[in-house]
Amino acid sequence: MIEKDRQSMSNRPDTKRPDFDFPRPTPAQIAAFKGVTAATAHEAQGRRGALDSIIKPLRPGFRILGPAFPAQGQPGDNLTAHAAISFARPGDVIVYSAGGFVDGASFGDTMATAALARGLGGVVIDGAVRDAAELRKLDLPVFARGVSLRSRGDKARLGPLAQAVEVGGIRVEPGDLIIGDDDGVVVIPLADLDEVARVSREKEAKEEEFRSRFRAGGATTWDLFGAGILAKSGYRLAFTETGADIVPV
């Protein structure tokens, strides 16, 4: 009887859920980046924080904007990914390191369905996913290094949760802001959010001014960028019968 009770208890889910209460961006800080592209944010923070360019959205148009919930997995073992889905808060973006392993998937449509039901903001995986066609149908933004039909879903090693990880060559801390779109993924440290948001808005306003001038037909990109850079460097563009060359002023 005692043995039966033990077996019954072993099959029950663990109801003691840890609360990973690390600092996260405020709703206002997140809202400040609504509409800001990953490329703009990258430039606004001194061209830092971009994940490897191969990590891309599984479906065109996917966009991620939310606080990072880092998880350190092991190649060929996705137990940590299951834990992250369970313990991340609604709105969190799971940033999962599989060490760049793409010869087997760490994440698929069943896990994505669970993440979507929990209200998570998206998943960024430095590794591979599978069930790609089904993942593209879901409204959960998934970014990954690759796709593999192989299952590497061993569940034997639980890695750190809500601790700093390196993903796509960038160190990601819990609560860092993750922005992802068709161009890729950028990480903004929590402490830098307000300044990066301010510079991002200034850059977007300046670029819209440029576009307005181009639409009006009053200038080209060369007029605004190329000629001025040459002049500051002491050079100019010299035209010949067959083309053009750069010569000293």
C-alpha atoms as a PDB file:
ATOM      1  CA  MET A   1       0.000   0.000   0.000  1.00  0.00           C
ATOM      2  CA  ILE A   2       2.835   2.338   0.897  1.00  0.00           C
ATOM      3  CA  GLU A   3       4.589   1.506  -2.377  1.00  0.00           C
ATOM      4  CA  LYS A   4       1.412   2.285  -4.325  1.00  0.00           C
ATOM      5  CA  ASP A   5       1.124   5.648  -2.591  1.00  0.00           C
ATOM      6  CA  ARG A   6       4.715   6.431  -3.494  1.00  0.00           C
ATOM      7  CA  GLN A   7       4.115   5.542  -7.122  1.00  0.00           C
ATOM      8  CA  SER A   8       0.973   7.655  -7.185  1.00  0.00           C
ATOM      9  CA  MET A   9       2.826  10.637  -5.733  1.00  0.00           C
ATOM     10  CA  SER A  10       5.664  10.240  -8.234  1.00  0.00           C
ATOM     11  CA  ASN A  11       3.187  10.672 -11.081  1.00  0.00           C
ATOM     12  CA  ARG A  12       1.763  13.916  -9.743  1.00  0.00           C
ATOM     13  CA  PRO A  13       3.003  17.175 -11.233  1.00  0.00           C
ATOM     14  CA  ASP A  14       5.192  19.366  -9.045  1.00  0.00           C
ATOM     15  CA  THR A  15       2.900  22.095  -7.765  1.00  0.00           C
ATOM     16  CA  LYS A  16       5.723  24.125  -6.178  1.00  0.00           C
ATOM     17  CA  ARG A  17       6.460  26.496  -9.027  1.00  0.00           C
ATOM     18  CA  PRO A  18       9.506  28.742  -8.600  1.00  0.00           C
ATOM     19  CA  ASP A  19       8.944  32.434  -9.148  1.00  0.00           C
ATOM     20  CA  PHE A  20      11.800  33.873 -11.159  1.00  0.00           C
ATOM     21  CA  ASP A  21      11.340  37.432  -9.984  1.00  0.00           C
ATOM     22  CA  PHE A  22      14.300  39.089 -11.698  1.00  0.00           C
ATOM     23  CA  PRO A  23      14.034  42.743 -12.819  1.00  0.00           C
ATOM     24  CA  ARG A  24      12.161  43.179 -16.082  1.00  0.00           C
ATOM     25  CA  PRO A  25      11.424  46.220 -18.259  1.00  0.00           C
ATOM     26  CA  THR A  26       8.374  48.204 -17.260  1.00  0.00           C
ATOM     27  CA  PRO A  27       5.377  48.182 -19.614  1.00  0.00           C
ATOM     28  CA  ALA A  28       6.240  51.778 -20.534  1.00  0.00           C
ATOM     29  CA  GLN A  29       9.818  50.825 -21.411  1.00  0.00           C
ATOM     30  CA  ILE A  30       8.605  48.010 -23.645  1.00  0.00           C
ATOM     31  CA  ALA A  31       5.999  50.255 -25.271  1.00  0.00           C
ATOM     32  CA  ALA A  32       8.747  52.765 -26.121  1.00  0.00           C
ATOM     33  CA  PHE A  33      10.138  50.203 -28.585  1.00  0.00           C
ATOM     34  CA  LYS A  34       6.846  49.441 -30.296  1.00  0.00           C
ATOM     35  CA  GLY A  35       7.515  49.827 -34.003  1.00  0.00           C
ATOM     36  CA  VAL A  36      11.289  50.166 -33.512  1.00  0.00           C
ATOM     37  CA  THR A  37      13.086  47.732 -35.796  1.00  0.00           C
ATOM     38  CA  ALA A  38      15.867  45.459 -34.647  1.00  0.00           C
ATOM     39  CA  ALA A  39      18.243  47.242 -37.031  1.00  0.00           C
ATOM     40  CA  THR A  40      17.402  50.676 -35.628  1.00  0.00           C
ATOM     41  CA  ALA A  41      17.842  49.493 -32.042  1.00  0.00           C
ATOM     42  CA  HIS A  42      21.150  47.880 -32.985  1.00  0.00           C
ATOM     43  CA  GLU A  43      22.487  51.131 -34.410  1.00  0.00           C
ATOM     44  CA  ALA A  44      21.041  53.169 -31.547  1.00  0.00           C
ATOM     45  CA  GLN A  45      23.166  51.270 -29.039  1.00  0.00           C
ATOM     46  CA  GLY A  46      26.396  51.642 -30.958  1.00  0.00           C
ATOM     47  CA  ARG A  47      25.914  48.642 -33.237  1.00  0.00           C
ATOM     48  CA  ARG A  48      26.072  46.222 -30.337  1.00  0.00           C
ATOM     49  CA  GLY A  49      23.884  43.324 -29.271  1.00  0.00           C
ATOM     50  CA  ALA A  50      23.059  41.669 -32.598  1.00  0.00           C
ATOM     51  CA  LEU A  51      22.794  37.887 -32.517  1.00  0.00           C
ATOM     52  CA  ASP A  52      24.453  35.877 -35.278  1.00  0.00           C
ATOM     53  CA  SER A  53      22.741  36.788 -38.527  1.00  0.00           C
ATOM     54  CA  ILE A  54      21.808  33.176 -39.225  1.00  0.00           C
ATOM     55  CA  ILE A  55      19.282  33.254 -36.355  1.00  0.00           C
ATOM     56  CA  LYS A  56      16.133  34.321 -38.152  1.00  0.00           C
ATOM     57  CA  PRO A  57      12.349  34.137 -37.770  1.00  0.00           C
ATOM     58  CA  LEU A  58      10.768  30.903 -38.875  1.00  0.00           C
ATOM     59  CA  ARG A  59       8.062  32.868 -40.663  1.00  0.00           C
ATOM     60  CA  PRO A  60       8.366  36.253 -42.395  1.00  0.00           C
ATOM     61  CA  GLY A  61       6.640  38.906 -40.342  1.00  0.00           C
ATOM     62  CA  PHE A  62       7.288  37.344 -36.948  1.00  0.00           C
ATOM     63  CA  ARG A  63       8.202  40.012 -34.380  1.00  0.00           C
ATOM     64  CA  ILE A  64       9.434  39.620 -30.826  1.00  0.00           C
ATOM     65  CA  LEU A  65       9.442  42.329 -28.174  1.00  0.00           C
ATOM     66  CA  GLY A  66       9.803  41.337 -24.550  1.00  0.00           C
ATOM     67  CA  PRO A  67      12.072  40.552 -21.592  1.00  0.00           C
ATOM     68  CA  ALA A  68      14.537  37.698 -21.859  1.00  0.00           C
ATOM     69  CA  PHE A  69      14.079  34.494 -19.891  1.00  0.00           C
ATOM     70  CA  PRO A  70      17.449  32.807 -20.529  1.00  0.00           C
ATOM     71  CA  ALA A  71      17.824  29.027 -20.430  1.00  0.00           C
ATOM     72  CA  GLN A  72      21.007  27.018 -20.908  1.00  0.00           C
ATOM     73  CA  GLY A  73      20.349  23.706 -22.615  1.00  0.00           C
ATOM     74  CA  GLN A  74      22.625  20.921 -23.744  1.00  0.00           C
ATOM     75  CA  PRO A  75      23.065  19.719 -27.333  1.00  0.00           C
ATOM     76  CA  GLY A  76      20.730  16.784 -27.805  1.00  0.00           C
ATOM     77  CA  ASP A  77      18.767  17.363 -24.585  1.00  0.00           C
ATOM     78  CA  ASN A  78      15.766  19.683 -24.364  1.00  0.00           C
ATOM     79  CA  LEU A  79      14.703  19.161 -20.751  1.00  0.00           C
ATOM     80  CA  THR A  80      15.706  22.741 -19.953  1.00  0.00           C
ATOM     81  CA  ALA A  81      13.498  24.066 -22.749  1.00  0.00           C
ATOM     82  CA  HIS A  82      10.490  22.303 -21.220  1.00  0.00           C
ATOM     83  CA  ALA A  83      11.308  23.845 -17.841  1.00  0.00           C
ATOM     84  CA  ALA A  84      11.650  27.323 -19.350  1.00  0.00           C
ATOM     85  CA  ILE A  85       8.223  27.085 -20.969  1.00  0.00           C
ATOM     86  CA  SER A  86       6.730  26.119 -17.634  1.00  0.00           C
ATOM     87  CA  PHE A  87       8.437  28.710 -15.452  1.00  0.00           C
ATOM     88  CA  ALA A  88       8.713  31.821 -17.655  1.00  0.00           C
ATOM     89  CA  ARG A  89       6.144  34.536 -17.074  1.00  0.00           C
ATOM     90  CA  PRO A  90       3.566  35.672 -19.631  1.00  0.00           C
ATOM     91  CA  GLY A  91       5.238  38.074 -22.036  1.00  0.00           C
ATOM     92  CA  ASP A  92       8.715  36.661 -21.430  1.00  0.00           C
ATOM     93  CA  VAL A  93      10.838  35.652 -24.405  1.00  0.00           C
ATOM     94  CA  ILE A  94      12.616  32.348 -23.900  1.00  0.00           C
ATOM     95  CA  VAL A  95      16.213  32.750 -25.043  1.00  0.00           C
ATOM     96  CA  TYR A  96      17.487  29.196 -25.256  1.00  0.00           C
ATOM     97  CA  SER A  97      21.067  28.172 -25.849  1.00  0.00           C
ATOM     98  CA  ALA A  98      21.559  24.784 -27.473  1.00  0.00           C
ATOM     99  CA  GLY A  99      25.169  25.663 -28.181  1.00  0.00           C
ATOM    100  CA  GLY A 100      24.444  26.230 -31.859  1.00  0.00           C
ATOM    101  CA  PHE A 101      23.573  22.529 -32.275  1.00  0.00           C
ATOM    102  CA  VAL A 102      21.500  22.082 -35.444  1.00  0.00           C
ATOM    103  CA  ASP A 103      21.769  18.331 -36.054  1.00  0.00           C
ATOM    104  CA  GLY A 104      18.643  17.748 -34.001  1.00  0.00           C
ATOM    105  CA  ALA A 105      15.700  19.832 -32.861  1.00  0.00           C
ATOM    106  CA  SER A 106      15.308  21.277 -29.367  1.00  0.00           C
ATOM    107  CA  PHE A 107      11.812  22.659 -29.953  1.00  0.00           C
ATOM    108  CA  GLY A 108       8.694  21.736 -31.914  1.00  0.00           C
ATOM    109  CA  ASP A 109       5.020  22.446 -32.364  1.00  0.00           C
ATOM    110  CA  THR A 110       3.841  20.680 -29.192  1.00  0.00           C
ATOM    111  CA  MET A 111       6.159  22.812 -27.074  1.00  0.00           C
ATOM    112  CA  ALA A 112       5.147  25.913 -29.023  1.00  0.00           C
ATOM    113  CA  THR A 113       1.485  25.216 -28.314  1.00  0.00           C
ATOM    114  CA  ALA A 114       2.263  25.034 -24.598  1.00  0.00           C
ATOM    115  CA  ALA A 115       4.272  28.268 -24.752  1.00  0.00           C
ATOM    116  CA  LEU A 116       1.478  30.032 -26.606  1.00  0.00           C
ATOM    117  CA  ALA A 117      -1.100  28.873 -24.071  1.00  0.00           C
ATOM    118  CA  ARG A 118       1.051  30.333 -21.287  1.00  0.00           C
ATOM    119  CA  GLY A 119       1.154  33.715 -23.015  1.00  0.00           C
ATOM    120  CA  LEU A 120       4.883  33.775 -23.679  1.00  0.00           C
ATOM    121  CA  GLY A 121       6.222  36.483 -25.968  1.00  0.00           C
ATOM    122  CA  GLY A 122       8.289  34.251 -28.212  1.00  0.00           C
ATOM    123  CA  VAL A 123      11.239  31.893 -28.422  1.00  0.00           C
ATOM    124  CA  VAL A 124      14.795  32.477 -29.628  1.00  0.00           C
ATOM    125  CA  ILE A 125      16.851  29.302 -30.015  1.00  0.00           C
ATOM    126  CA  ASP A 126      20.551  29.043 -30.749  1.00  0.00           C
ATOM    127  CA  GLY A 127      19.868  25.643 -32.238  1.00  0.00           C
ATOM    128  CA  ALA A 128      17.317  23.882 -34.405  1.00  0.00           C
ATOM    129  CA  VAL A 129      13.559  23.421 -34.389  1.00  0.00           C
ATOM    130  CA  ARG A 130      11.328  20.933 -36.147  1.00  0.00           C
ATOM    131  CA  ASP A 131       7.656  20.790 -37.206  1.00  0.00           C
ATOM    132  CA  ALA A 132       8.439  23.954 -39.133  1.00  0.00           C
ATOM    133  CA  ALA A 133       5.222  23.991 -41.150  1.00  0.00           C
ATOM    134  CA  GLU A 134       3.101  23.770 -38.011  1.00  0.00           C
ATOM    135  CA  LEU A 135       5.206  26.340 -36.154  1.00  0.00           C
ATOM    136  CA  ARG A 136       4.627  28.827 -38.955  1.00  0.00           C
ATOM    137  CA  LYS A 137       0.865  28.484 -38.498  1.00  0.00           C
ATOM    138  CA  LEU A 138       1.014  29.463 -34.825  1.00  0.00           C
ATOM    139  CA  ASP A 139       1.049  33.003 -33.497  1.00  0.00           C
ATOM    140  CA  LEU A 140       4.115  32.346 -31.350  1.00  0.00           C
ATOM    141  CA  PRO A 141       7.154  34.082 -32.873  1.00  0.00           C
ATOM    142  CA  VAL A 142       9.960  31.529 -33.143  1.00  0.00           C
ATOM    143  CA  PHE A 143      13.504  32.449 -34.157  1.00  0.00           C
ATOM    144  CA  ALA A 144      16.106  29.721 -34.644  1.00  0.00           C
ATOM    145  CA  ARG A 145      19.501  28.911 -36.094  1.00  0.00           C
ATOM    146  CA  GLY A 146      18.101  26.125 -38.253  1.00  0.00           C
ATOM    147  CA  VAL A 147      15.536  23.406 -38.874  1.00  0.00           C
ATOM    148  CA  SER A 148      16.102  19.677 -38.425  1.00  0.00           C
ATOM    149  CA  LEU A 149      13.741  16.746 -38.745  1.00  0.00           C
ATOM    150  CA  ARG A 150      15.854  14.761 -36.297  1.00  0.00           C
ATOM    151  CA  SER A 151      14.559  14.482 -32.762  1.00  0.00           C
ATOM    152  CA  ARG A 152      17.164  15.088 -30.104  1.00  0.00           C
ATOM    153  CA  GLY A 153      14.660  15.388 -27.316  1.00  0.00           C
ATOM    154  CA  ASP A 154      16.543  13.506 -24.608  1.00  0.00           C
ATOM    155  CA  LYS A 155      15.456  14.646 -21.171  1.00  0.00           C
ATOM    156  CA  ALA A 156      18.263  13.878 -18.761  1.00  0.00           C
ATOM    157  CA  ARG A 157      20.123  17.112 -18.003  1.00  0.00           C
ATOM    158  CA  LEU A 158      18.533  20.227 -16.580  1.00  0.00           C
ATOM    159  CA  GLY A 159      20.564  23.362 -17.200  1.00  0.00           C
ATOM    160  CA  PRO A 160      20.434  26.779 -15.527  1.00  0.00           C
ATOM    161  CA  LEU A 161      17.288  28.878 -15.822  1.00  0.00           C
ATOM    162  CA  ALA A 162      17.035  32.666 -15.554  1.00  0.00           C
ATOM    163  CA  GLN A 163      20.816  33.045 -15.555  1.00  0.00           C
ATOM    164  CA  ALA A 164      23.029  34.713 -18.128  1.00  0.00           C
ATOM    165  CA  VAL A 165      23.597  32.683 -21.302  1.00  0.00           C
ATOM    166  CA  GLU A 166      25.493  33.240 -24.520  1.00  0.00           C
ATOM    167  CA  VAL A 167      23.234  32.988 -27.553  1.00  0.00           C
ATOM    168  CA  GLY A 168      24.343  33.774 -31.079  1.00  0.00           C
ATOM    169  CA  GLY A 169      27.595  35.235 -29.785  1.00  0.00           C
ATOM    170  CA  ILE A 170      25.895  37.659 -27.385  1.00  0.00           C
ATOM    171  CA  ARG A 171      25.611  37.459 -23.610  1.00  0.00           C
ATOM    172  CA  VAL A 172      21.964  37.678 -22.567  1.00  0.00           C
ATOM    173  CA  GLU A 173      21.001  38.552 -18.998  1.00  0.00           C
ATOM    174  CA  PRO A 174      17.593  37.897 -17.426  1.00  0.00           C
ATOM    175  CA  GLY A 175      15.318  40.847 -18.156  1.00  0.00           C
ATOM    176  CA  ASP A 176      17.262  42.206 -21.126  1.00  0.00           C
ATOM    177  CA  LEU A 177      14.918  43.416 -23.844  1.00  0.00           C
ATOM    178  CA  ILE A 178      14.728  41.205 -26.925  1.00  0.00           C
ATOM    179  CA  ILE A 179      13.714  42.716 -30.259  1.00  0.00           C
ATOM    180  CA  GLY A 180      13.363  40.392 -33.223  1.00  0.00           C
ATOM    181  CA  ASP A 181      12.014  40.876 -36.731  1.00  0.00           C
ATOM    182  CA  ASP A 182      12.748  39.793 -40.289  1.00  0.00           C
ATOM    183  CA  ASP A 183      16.266  41.253 -40.072  1.00  0.00           C
ATOM    184  CA  GLY A 184      17.291  39.284 -36.982  1.00  0.00           C
ATOM    185  CA  VAL A 185      17.493  39.633 -33.212  1.00  0.00           C
ATOM    186  CA  VAL A 186      19.074  42.300 -31.021  1.00  0.00           C
ATOM    187  CA  VAL A 187      19.543  42.326 -27.247  1.00  0.00           C
ATOM    188  CA  ILE A 188      19.312  45.559 -25.259  1.00  0.00           C
ATOM    189  CA  PRO A 189      20.598  45.526 -21.669  1.00  0.00           C
ATOM    190  CA  LEU A 190      17.972  46.490 -19.134  1.00  0.00           C
ATOM    191  CA  ALA A 191      20.080  49.380 -17.830  1.00  0.00           C
ATOM    192  CA  ASP A 192      20.338  50.924 -21.314  1.00  0.00           C
ATOM    193  CA  LEU A 193      16.683  50.816 -22.349  1.00  0.00           C
ATOM    194  CA  ASP A 194      15.731  54.449 -21.817  1.00  0.00           C
ATOM    195  CA  GLU A 195      18.756  55.828 -23.652  1.00  0.00           C
ATOM    196  CA  VAL A 196      18.470  53.370 -26.540  1.00  0.00           C
ATOM    197  CA  ALA A 197      14.761  54.167 -26.893  1.00  0.00           C
ATOM    198  CA  ARG A 198      15.542  57.893 -27.062  1.00  0.00           C
ATOM    199  CA  VAL A 199      18.253  57.465 -29.684  1.00  0.00           C
ATOM    200  CA  SER A 200      16.049  55.063 -31.663  1.00  0.00           C
ATOM    201  CA  ARG A 201      13.275  57.650 -31.884  1.00  0.00           C
ATOM    202  CA  GLU A 202      15.748  60.297 -33.026  1.00  0.00           C
ATOM    203  CA  LYS A 203      17.152  57.980 -35.696  1.00  0.00           C
ATOM    204  CA  GLU A 204      13.698  57.090 -36.998  1.00  0.00           C
ATOM    205  CA  ALA A 205      12.712  60.763 -37.203  1.00  0.00           C
ATOM    206  CA  LYS A 206      15.924  61.576 -39.087  1.00  0.00           C
ATOM    207  CA  GLU A 207      15.449  58.703 -41.517  1.00  0.00           C
ATOM    208  CA  GLU A 208      11.868  59.781 -42.215  1.00  0.00           C
ATOM    209  CA  GLU A 209      13.197  63.249 -42.985  1.00  0.00           C
ATOM    210  CA  PHE A 210      15.618  61.712 -45.494  1.00  0.00           C
ATOM    211  CA  ARG A 211      12.856  59.651 -47.105  1.00  0.00           C
ATOM    212  CA  SER A 212      10.689  62.746 -47.458  1.00  0.00           C
ATOM    213  CA  ARG A 213      13.497  64.540 -49.281  1.00  0.00           C
ATOM    214  CA  PHE A 214      14.020  61.572 -51.582  1.00  0.00           C
ATOM    215  CA  ARG A 215      10.317  61.346 -52.383  1.00  0.00           C
ATOM    216  CA  ALA A 216      10.305  65.050 -53.209  1.00  0.00           C
ATOM    217  CA  GLY A 217      13.102  64.470 -55.702  1.00  0.00           C
ATOM    218  CA  GLY A 218      15.425  67.004 -54.127  1.00  0.00           C
ATOM    219  CA  ALA A 219      18.297  64.717 -53.187  1.00  0.00           C
ATOM    220  CA  THR A 220      19.765  61.233 -53.427  1.00  0.00           C
ATOM    221  CA  THR A 221      21.532  59.107 -50.863  1.00  0.00           C
ATOM    222  CA  TRP A 222      24.829  60.120 -52.476  1.00  0.00           C
ATOM    223  CA  ASP A 223      24.081  63.792 -51.931  1.00  0.00           C
ATOM    224  CA  LEU A 224      23.362  63.250 -48.247  1.00  0.00           C
ATOM    225  CA  PHE A 225      25.982  60.680 -47.367  1.00  0.00           C
ATOM    226  CA  GLY A 226      28.649  59.992 -49.975  1.00  0.00           C
ATOM    227  CA  ALA A 227      29.677  63.486 -51.073  1.00  0.00           C
ATOM    228  CA  GLY A 228      29.859  64.843 -47.554  1.00  0.00           C
ATOM    229  CA  ILE A 229      31.989  61.966 -46.291  1.00  0.00           C
ATOM    230  CA  LEU A 230      34.436  62.418 -49.156  1.00  0.00           C
ATOM    231  CA  ALA A 231      34.697  66.161 -48.532  1.00  0.00           C
ATOM    232  CA  LYS A 232      35.456  65.658 -44.836  1.00  0.00           C
ATOM    233  CA  SER A 233      38.187  63.194 -45.810  1.00  0.00           C
ATOM    234  CA  GLY A 234      39.776  65.639 -48.263  1.00  0.00           C
ATOM    235  CA  TYR A 235      38.579  63.902 -51.424  1.00  0.00           C
ATOM    236  CA  ARG A 236      36.077  64.525 -54.182  1.00  0.00           C
ATOM    237  CA  LEU A 237      34.498  62.625 -57.026  1.00  0.00           C
ATOM    238  CA  ALA A 238      36.116  63.349 -60.404  1.00  0.00           C
ATOM    239  CA  PHE A 239      34.172  62.434 -63.524  1.00  0.00           C
ATOM    240  CA  THR A 240      35.856  61.174 -66.680  1.00  0.00           C
ATOM    241  CA  GLU A 241      34.571  60.178 -70.094  1.00  0.00           C
ATOM    242  CA  THR A 242      34.310  56.554 -69.008  1.00  0.00           C
ATOM    243  CA  GLY A 243      33.316  56.823 -65.372  1.00  0.00           C
ATOM    244  CA  ALA A 244      34.324  58.417 -62.095  1.00  0.00           C
ATOM    245  CA  ASP A 245      37.169  58.228 -59.637  1.00  0.00           C
ATOM    246  CA  ILE A 246      37.983  59.535 -56.158  1.00  0.00           C
ATOM    247  CA  VAL A 247      40.762  62.132 -56.121  1.00  0.00           C
ATOM    248  CA  PRO A 248      42.215  64.535 -53.530  1.00  0.00           C
ATOM    249  CA  VAL A 249      40.581  67.934 -53.311  1.00  0.00           C
END
